[in-house]
């Protein structure tokens, strides 16, 4: 506890600093935080909206909905 930083957060019990960038800035949103760790040219920068993960993997929506149905079902209520 209190000895980590990065994409997994700071793990210090203070949620206000979980989005601390490598430069030490605290970003208010997920996209700006993730972009701070992006390797130049490795992948496109995230926009302000969080992308739908199913859009990048055609055919996965049905499997994801089936898995969520189990989690939302009576076994977990």
PDB file of N, CA and C in Angstrom:
ATOM      1  N   UNK A   1       0.828  -1.188   0.000  1.00  0.00           N
ATOM      2  CA  UNK A   1       0.000   0.000   0.000  1.00  0.00           C
ATOM      3  C   UNK A   1       0.875   1.255   0.000  1.00  0.00           C
ATOM      4  N   UNK A   2       0.512   2.211  -0.862  1.00  0.00           N
ATOM      5  CA  UNK A   2       1.233   3.469  -0.923  1.00  0.00           C
ATOM      6  C   UNK A   2       2.553   3.406  -1.659  1.00  0.00           C
ATOM      7  N   UNK A   3       2.870   2.276  -2.289  1.00  0.00           N
ATOM      8  CA  UNK A   3       4.155   2.130  -2.965  1.00  0.00           C
ATOM      9  C   UNK A   3       4.018   1.923  -4.473  1.00  0.00           C
ATOM     10  N   UNK A   4       2.828   2.102  -5.023  1.00  0.00           N
ATOM     11  CA  UNK A   4       2.620   1.901  -6.452  1.00  0.00           C
ATOM     12  C   UNK A   4       2.031   3.156  -7.088  1.00  0.00           C
ATOM     13  N   UNK A   5       2.206   3.278  -8.396  1.00  0.00           N
ATOM     14  CA  UNK A   5       1.527   4.285  -9.187  1.00  0.00           C
ATOM     15  C   UNK A   5       1.418   3.769 -10.612  1.00  0.00           C
ATOM     16  N   UNK A   6       0.573   4.389 -11.378  1.00  0.00           N
ATOM     17  CA  UNK A   6       0.422   3.988 -12.771  1.00  0.00           C
ATOM     18  C   UNK A   6      -1.015   3.695 -13.114  1.00  0.00           C
ATOM     19  N   UNK A   7      -1.203   2.866 -14.119  1.00  0.00           N
ATOM     20  CA  UNK A   7      -2.549   2.578 -14.595  1.00  0.00           C
ATOM     21  C   UNK A   7      -3.401   1.871 -13.555  1.00  0.00           C
ATOM     22  N   UNK A   8      -2.789   1.232 -12.579  1.00  0.00           N
ATOM     23  CA  UNK A   8      -3.552   0.547 -11.528  1.00  0.00           C
ATOM     24  C   UNK A   8      -3.850   1.471 -10.349  1.00  0.00           C
ATOM     25  N   UNK A   9      -3.453   2.728 -10.426  1.00  0.00           N
ATOM     26  CA  UNK A   9      -3.734   3.671  -9.347  1.00  0.00           C
ATOM     27  C   UNK A   9      -2.598   3.774  -8.356  1.00  0.00           C
ATOM     28  N   UNK A  10      -2.886   4.417  -7.224  1.00  0.00           N
ATOM     29  CA  UNK A  10      -1.857   4.654  -6.212  1.00  0.00           C
ATOM     30  C   UNK A  10      -1.972   3.730  -5.013  1.00  0.00           C
ATOM     31  N   UNK A  11      -3.141   3.132  -4.807  1.00  0.00           N
ATOM     32  CA  UNK A  11      -3.379   2.188  -3.711  1.00  0.00           C
ATOM     33  C   UNK A  11      -2.934   2.771  -2.373  1.00  0.00           C
ATOM     34  N   UNK A  12      -3.364   4.017  -2.128  1.00  0.00           N
ATOM     35  CA  UNK A  12      -3.011   4.663  -0.868  1.00  0.00           C
ATOM     36  C   UNK A  12      -4.249   5.034  -0.049  1.00  0.00           C
ATOM     37  N   UNK A  13      -5.419   4.593  -0.488  1.00  0.00           N
ATOM     38  CA  UNK A  13      -6.647   4.878   0.239  1.00  0.00           C
ATOM     39  C   UNK A  13      -7.292   6.205  -0.115  1.00  0.00           C
ATOM     40  N   UNK A  14      -6.647   7.003  -0.974  1.00  0.00           N
ATOM     41  CA  UNK A  14      -7.183   8.304  -1.381  1.00  0.00           C
ATOM     42  C   UNK A  14      -7.600   8.217  -2.846  1.00  0.00           C
ATOM     43  N   UNK A  15      -8.895   8.079  -3.098  1.00  0.00           N
ATOM     44  CA  UNK A  15      -9.375   7.914  -4.468  1.00  0.00           C
ATOM     45  C   UNK A  15      -9.201   9.173  -5.310  1.00  0.00           C
ATOM     46  N   UNK A  16      -8.954  10.306  -4.684  1.00  0.00           N
ATOM     47  CA  UNK A  16      -8.808  11.549  -5.441  1.00  0.00           C
ATOM     48  C   UNK A  16      -7.535  11.575  -6.280  1.00  0.00           C
ATOM     49  N   UNK A  17      -6.551  10.749  -5.981  1.00  0.00           N
ATOM     50  CA  UNK A  17      -5.301  10.774  -6.746  1.00  0.00           C
ATOM     51  C   UNK A  17      -5.067   9.502  -7.569  1.00  0.00           C
ATOM     52  N   UNK A  18      -6.120   8.732  -7.805  1.00  0.00           N
ATOM     53  CA  UNK A  18      -5.971   7.489  -8.561  1.00  0.00           C
ATOM     54  C   UNK A  18      -5.542   7.731 -10.006  1.00  0.00           C
ATOM     55  N   UNK A  19      -5.895   8.862 -10.592  1.00  0.00           N
ATOM     56  CA  UNK A  19      -5.551   9.155 -11.982  1.00  0.00           C
ATOM     57  C   UNK A  19      -4.302  10.028 -12.063  1.00  0.00           C
ATOM     58  N   UNK A  20      -3.255   9.686 -11.312  1.00  0.00           N
ATOM     59  CA  UNK A  20      -2.003  10.435 -11.341  1.00  0.00           C
ATOM     60  C   UNK A  20      -1.176   9.974 -12.541  1.00  0.00           C
ATOM     61  N   UNK A  21      -0.759  10.933 -13.376  1.00  0.00           N
ATOM     62  CA  UNK A  21       0.004  10.638 -14.588  1.00  0.00           C
ATOM     63  C   UNK A  21       1.484  10.445 -14.266  1.00  0.00           C
ATOM     64  N   UNK A  22       2.263   9.973 -15.218  1.00  0.00           N
ATOM     65  CA  UNK A  22       3.703   9.833 -14.986  1.00  0.00           C
ATOM     66  C   UNK A  22       4.378  11.165 -14.622  1.00  0.00           C
ATOM     67  N   UNK A  23       3.786  12.284 -15.066  1.00  0.00           N
ATOM     68  CA  UNK A  23       4.343  13.602 -14.752  1.00  0.00           C
ATOM     69  C   UNK A  23       3.923  14.094 -13.371  1.00  0.00           C
ATOM     70  N   UNK A  24       3.017  13.367 -12.696  1.00  0.00           N
ATOM     71  CA  UNK A  24       2.566  13.752 -11.366  1.00  0.00           C
ATOM     72  C   UNK A  24       1.289  14.571 -11.358  1.00  0.00           C
ATOM     73  N   UNK A  25       0.715  14.819 -12.540  1.00  0.00           N
ATOM     74  CA  UNK A  25      -0.560  15.534 -12.621  1.00  0.00           C
ATOM     75  C   UNK A  25      -1.694  14.571 -12.291  1.00  0.00           C
ATOM     76  N   UNK A  26      -2.795  15.091 -11.754  1.00  0.00           N
ATOM     77  CA  UNK A  26      -3.978  14.274 -11.504  1.00  0.00           C
ATOM     78  C   UNK A  26      -5.020  14.654 -12.537  1.00  0.00           C
ATOM     79  N   UNK A  27      -5.364  13.708 -13.406  1.00  0.00           N
ATOM     80  CA  UNK A  27      -6.345  13.946 -14.459  1.00  0.00           C
ATOM     81  C   UNK A  27      -7.753  13.691 -13.939  1.00  0.00           C
ATOM     82  N   UNK A  28      -8.722  14.507 -14.367  1.00  0.00           N
ATOM     83  CA  UNK A  28     -10.095  14.315 -13.892  1.00  0.00           C
ATOM     84  C   UNK A  28     -10.854  13.207 -14.611  1.00  0.00           C
ATOM     85  N   UNK A  29     -10.398  12.815 -15.814  1.00  0.00           N
ATOM     86  CA  UNK A  29     -11.145  11.829 -16.583  1.00  0.00           C
ATOM     87  C   UNK A  29     -10.304  10.655 -17.042  1.00  0.00           C
ATOM     88  N   UNK A  30     -10.990   9.580 -17.401  1.00  0.00           N
ATOM     89  CA  UNK A  30     -10.346   8.339 -17.803  1.00  0.00           C
ATOM     90  C   UNK A  30      -9.531   8.507 -19.079  1.00  0.00           C
ATOM     91  N   UNK A  31     -10.088   9.181 -20.102  1.00  0.00           N
ATOM     92  CA  UNK A  31      -9.409   9.291 -21.391  1.00  0.00           C
ATOM     93  C   UNK A  31      -8.087  10.043 -21.260  1.00  0.00           C
ATOM     94  N   UNK A  32      -8.089  11.186 -20.601  1.00  0.00           N
ATOM     95  CA  UNK A  32      -6.855  11.968 -20.442  1.00  0.00           C
ATOM     96  C   UNK A  32      -5.823  11.185 -19.639  1.00  0.00           C
ATOM     97  N   UNK A  33      -6.272  10.461 -18.629  1.00  0.00           N
ATOM     98  CA  UNK A  33      -5.367   9.646 -17.816  1.00  0.00           C
ATOM     99  C   UNK A  33      -4.733   8.543 -18.658  1.00  0.00           C
ATOM    100  N   UNK A  34      -5.547   7.806 -19.405  1.00  0.00           N
ATOM    101  CA  UNK A  34      -5.034   6.717 -20.237  1.00  0.00           C
ATOM    102  C   UNK A  34      -4.100   7.250 -21.313  1.00  0.00           C
ATOM    103  N   UNK A  35      -4.438   8.379 -21.913  1.00  0.00           N
ATOM    104  CA  UNK A  35      -3.587   8.955 -22.952  1.00  0.00           C
ATOM    105  C   UNK A  35      -2.223   9.366 -22.409  1.00  0.00           C
ATOM    106  N   UNK A  36      -2.131   9.686 -21.137  1.00  0.00           N
ATOM    107  CA  UNK A  36      -0.849  10.064 -20.536  1.00  0.00           C
ATOM    108  C   UNK A  36       0.125   8.888 -20.519  1.00  0.00           C
ATOM    109  N   UNK A  37      -0.389   7.672 -20.562  1.00  0.00           N
ATOM    110  CA  UNK A  37       0.456   6.473 -20.544  1.00  0.00           C
ATOM    111  C   UNK A  37       0.636   5.868 -21.933  1.00  0.00           C
ATOM    112  N   UNK A  38       0.016   6.462 -22.938  1.00  0.00           N
ATOM    113  CA  UNK A  38       0.046   5.923 -24.298  1.00  0.00           C
ATOM    114  C   UNK A  38       1.432   6.098 -24.902  1.00  0.00           C
ATOM    115  N   UNK A  39       1.960   5.046 -25.495  1.00  0.00           N
ATOM    116  CA  UNK A  39       3.240   5.120 -26.205  1.00  0.00           C
ATOM    117  C   UNK A  39       2.975   5.766 -27.559  1.00  0.00           C
ATOM    118  N   UNK A  40       3.724   6.785 -27.891  1.00  0.00           N
ATOM    119  CA  UNK A  40       3.522   7.511 -29.147  1.00  0.00           C
ATOM    120  C   UNK A  40       3.514   6.558 -30.334  1.00  0.00           C
ATOM    121  N   UNK A  41       2.463   6.630 -31.128  1.00  0.00           N
ATOM    122  CA  UNK A  41       2.353   5.811 -32.320  1.00  0.00           C
ATOM    123  C   UNK A  41       1.905   4.384 -32.085  1.00  0.00           C
ATOM    124  N   UNK A  42       1.844   3.944 -30.847  1.00  0.00           N
ATOM    125  CA  UNK A  42       1.473   2.555 -30.573  1.00  0.00           C
ATOM    126  C   UNK A  42      -0.016   2.300 -30.745  1.00  0.00           C
ATOM    127  N   UNK A  43      -0.820   3.296 -30.437  1.00  0.00           N
ATOM    128  CA  UNK A  43      -2.264   3.149 -30.568  1.00  0.00           C
ATOM    129  C   UNK A  43      -2.875   4.546 -30.638  1.00  0.00           C
ATOM    130  N   UNK A  44      -4.087   4.664 -31.165  1.00  0.00           N
ATOM    131  CA  UNK A  44      -4.705   5.985 -31.256  1.00  0.00           C
ATOM    132  C   UNK A  44      -5.078   6.513 -29.877  1.00  0.00           C
ATOM    133  N   UNK A  45      -5.066   7.827 -29.739  1.00  0.00           N
ATOM    134  CA  UNK A  45      -5.461   8.455 -28.476  1.00  0.00           C
ATOM    135  C   UNK A  45      -6.954   8.249 -28.260  1.00  0.00           C
ATOM    136  N   UNK A  46      -7.340   8.106 -27.008  1.00  0.00           N
ATOM    137  CA  UNK A  46      -8.755   7.990 -26.666  1.00  0.00           C
ATOM    138  C   UNK A  46      -9.403   9.362 -26.760  1.00  0.00           C
ATOM    139  N   UNK A  47     -10.636   9.390 -27.215  1.00  0.00           N
ATOM    140  CA  UNK A  47     -11.409  10.623 -27.238  1.00  0.00           C
ATOM    141  C   UNK A  47     -12.082  10.819 -25.896  1.00  0.00           C
ATOM    142  N   UNK A  48     -12.901  11.853 -25.783  1.00  0.00           N
ATOM    143  CA  UNK A  48     -13.546  12.122 -24.497  1.00  0.00           C
ATOM    144  C   UNK A  48     -14.557  11.055 -24.075  1.00  0.00           C
ATOM    145  N   UNK A  49     -15.124  10.340 -25.052  1.00  0.00           N
ATOM    146  CA  UNK A  49     -16.101   9.299 -24.719  1.00  0.00           C
ATOM    147  C   UNK A  49     -15.383   7.949 -24.624  1.00  0.00           C
ATOM    148  N   UNK A  50     -15.843   7.108 -23.727  1.00  0.00           N
ATOM    149  CA  UNK A  50     -15.276   5.768 -23.587  1.00  0.00           C
ATOM    150  C   UNK A  50     -15.854   4.895 -24.704  1.00  0.00           C
ATOM    151  N   UNK A  51     -14.989   4.268 -25.518  1.00  0.00           N
ATOM    152  CA  UNK A  51     -15.508   3.458 -26.631  1.00  0.00           C
ATOM    153  C   UNK A  51     -16.216   2.204 -26.137  1.00  0.00           C
ATOM    154  N   UNK A  52     -17.165   1.767 -26.925  1.00  0.00           N
ATOM    155  CA  UNK A  52     -17.879   0.520 -26.627  1.00  0.00           C
ATOM    156  C   UNK A  52     -16.948  -0.632 -26.987  1.00  0.00           C
ATOM    157  N   UNK A  53     -16.547  -1.474 -26.031  1.00  0.00           N
ATOM    158  CA  UNK A  53     -15.602  -2.546 -26.338  1.00  0.00           C
ATOM    159  C   UNK A  53     -16.125  -3.535 -27.368  1.00  0.00           C
ATOM    160  N   UNK A  54     -17.419  -3.682 -27.499  1.00  0.00           N
ATOM    161  CA  UNK A  54     -17.968  -4.628 -28.471  1.00  0.00           C
ATOM    162  C   UNK A  54     -17.795  -4.124 -29.896  1.00  0.00           C
ATOM    163  N   UNK A  55     -17.632  -2.808 -30.088  1.00  0.00           N
ATOM    164  CA  UNK A  55     -17.443  -2.283 -31.437  1.00  0.00           C
ATOM    165  C   UNK A  55     -16.128  -2.765 -32.041  1.00  0.00           C
ATOM    166  N   UNK A  56     -15.123  -2.995 -31.227  1.00  0.00           N
ATOM    167  CA  UNK A  56     -13.826  -3.439 -31.720  1.00  0.00           C
ATOM    168  C   UNK A  56     -13.736  -4.932 -31.957  1.00  0.00           C
ATOM    169  N   UNK A  57     -14.715  -5.669 -31.483  1.00  0.00           N
ATOM    170  CA  UNK A  57     -14.689  -7.130 -31.603  1.00  0.00           C
ATOM    171  C   UNK A  57     -16.045  -7.631 -32.091  1.00  0.00           C
ATOM    172  N   UNK A  58     -16.268  -7.569 -33.405  1.00  0.00           N
ATOM    173  CA  UNK A  58     -17.560  -8.022 -33.936  1.00  0.00           C
ATOM    174  C   UNK A  58     -17.868  -9.458 -33.511  1.00  0.00           C
ATOM    175  N   UNK A  59     -19.102  -9.698 -33.133  1.00  0.00           N
ATOM    176  CA  UNK A  59     -19.512 -11.029 -32.712  1.00  0.00           C
ATOM    177  C   UNK A  59     -19.359 -11.262 -31.226  1.00  0.00           C
ATOM    178  N   UNK A  60     -18.679 -10.374 -30.539  1.00  0.00           N
ATOM    179  CA  UNK A  60     -18.459 -10.565 -29.101  1.00  0.00           C
ATOM    180  C   UNK A  60     -19.640 -10.104 -28.257  1.00  0.00           C
ATOM    181  N   UNK A  61     -20.481  -9.251 -28.829  1.00  0.00           N
ATOM    182  CA  UNK A  61     -21.594  -8.713 -28.049  1.00  0.00           C
ATOM    183  C   UNK A  61     -22.478  -9.826 -27.494  1.00  0.00           C
ATOM    184  N   UNK A  62     -22.782 -10.818 -28.311  1.00  0.00           N
ATOM    185  CA  UNK A  62     -23.665 -11.909 -27.863  1.00  0.00           C
ATOM    186  C   UNK A  62     -23.037 -12.684 -26.701  1.00  0.00           C
ATOM    187  N   UNK A  63     -21.723 -12.974 -26.809  1.00  0.00           N
ATOM    188  CA  UNK A  63     -21.041 -13.695 -25.720  1.00  0.00           C
ATOM    189  C   UNK A  63     -21.012 -12.848 -24.449  1.00  0.00           C
ATOM    190  N   UNK A  64     -20.782 -11.551 -24.605  1.00  0.00           N
ATOM    191  CA  UNK A  64     -20.733 -10.663 -23.441  1.00  0.00           C
ATOM    192  C   UNK A  64     -22.102 -10.567 -22.776  1.00  0.00           C
ATOM    193  N   UNK A  65     -23.146 -10.447 -23.586  1.00  0.00           N
ATOM    194  CA  UNK A  65     -24.489 -10.366 -23.020  1.00  0.00           C
ATOM    195  C   UNK A  65     -24.869 -11.660 -22.300  1.00  0.00           C
ATOM    196  N   UNK A  66     -24.447 -12.803 -22.830  1.00  0.00           N
ATOM    197  CA  UNK A  66     -24.730 -14.089 -22.180  1.00  0.00           C
ATOM    198  C   UNK A  66     -23.994 -14.186 -20.843  1.00  0.00           C
ATOM    199  N   UNK A  67     -22.738 -13.744 -20.817  1.00  0.00           N
ATOM    200  CA  UNK A  67     -21.969 -13.780 -19.569  1.00  0.00           C
ATOM    201  C   UNK A  67     -22.569 -12.829 -18.535  1.00  0.00           C
ATOM    202  N   UNK A  68     -22.994 -11.646 -18.971  1.00  0.00           N
ATOM    203  CA  UNK A  68     -23.606 -10.690 -18.046  1.00  0.00           C
ATOM    204  C   UNK A  68     -24.935 -11.208 -17.516  1.00  0.00           C
ATOM    205  N   UNK A  69     -25.654 -11.938 -18.350  1.00  0.00           N
ATOM    206  CA  UNK A  69     -26.939 -12.492 -17.916  1.00  0.00           C
ATOM    207  C   UNK A  69     -26.729 -13.431 -16.742  1.00  0.00           C
ATOM    208  N   UNK A  70     -25.648 -14.203 -16.764  1.00  0.00           N
ATOM    209  CA  UNK A  70     -25.357 -15.104 -15.645  1.00  0.00           C
ATOM    210  C   UNK A  70     -25.078 -14.284 -14.379  1.00  0.00           C
ATOM    211  N   UNK A  71     -24.262 -13.229 -14.514  1.00  0.00           N
ATOM    212  CA  UNK A  71     -23.934 -12.396 -13.347  1.00  0.00           C
ATOM    213  C   UNK A  71     -25.133 -11.656 -12.797  1.00  0.00           C
ATOM    214  N   UNK A  72     -26.061 -11.306 -13.672  1.00  0.00           N
ATOM    215  CA  UNK A  72     -27.248 -10.582 -13.244  1.00  0.00           C
ATOM    216  C   UNK A  72     -28.395 -11.527 -12.849  1.00  0.00           C
ATOM    217  N   UNK A  73     -28.158 -12.823 -13.005  1.00  0.00           N
ATOM    218  CA  UNK A  73     -29.190 -13.809 -12.736  1.00  0.00           C
ATOM    219  C   UNK A  73     -29.368 -14.137 -11.260  1.00  0.00           C
ATOM    220  N   UNK A  74     -30.233 -15.078 -10.971  1.00  0.00           N
ATOM    221  CA  UNK A  74     -30.584 -15.413  -9.587  1.00  0.00           C
ATOM    222  C   UNK A  74     -29.416 -15.945  -8.745  1.00  0.00           C
ATOM    223  N   UNK A  75     -28.434 -16.564  -9.377  1.00  0.00           N
ATOM    224  CA  UNK A  75     -27.314 -17.106  -8.610  1.00  0.00           C
ATOM    225  C   UNK A  75     -26.534 -16.011  -7.878  1.00  0.00           C
ATOM    226  N   UNK A  76     -26.551 -14.799  -8.388  1.00  0.00           N
ATOM    227  CA  UNK A  76     -25.783 -13.711  -7.789  1.00  0.00           C
ATOM    228  C   UNK A  76     -26.659 -12.636  -7.148  1.00  0.00           C
ATOM    229  N   UNK A  77     -27.930 -12.935  -6.955  1.00  0.00           N
ATOM    230  CA  UNK A  77     -28.815 -11.933  -6.330  1.00  0.00           C
ATOM    231  C   UNK A  77     -28.810 -12.065  -4.824  1.00  0.00           C
TER     232      UNK A  77
END
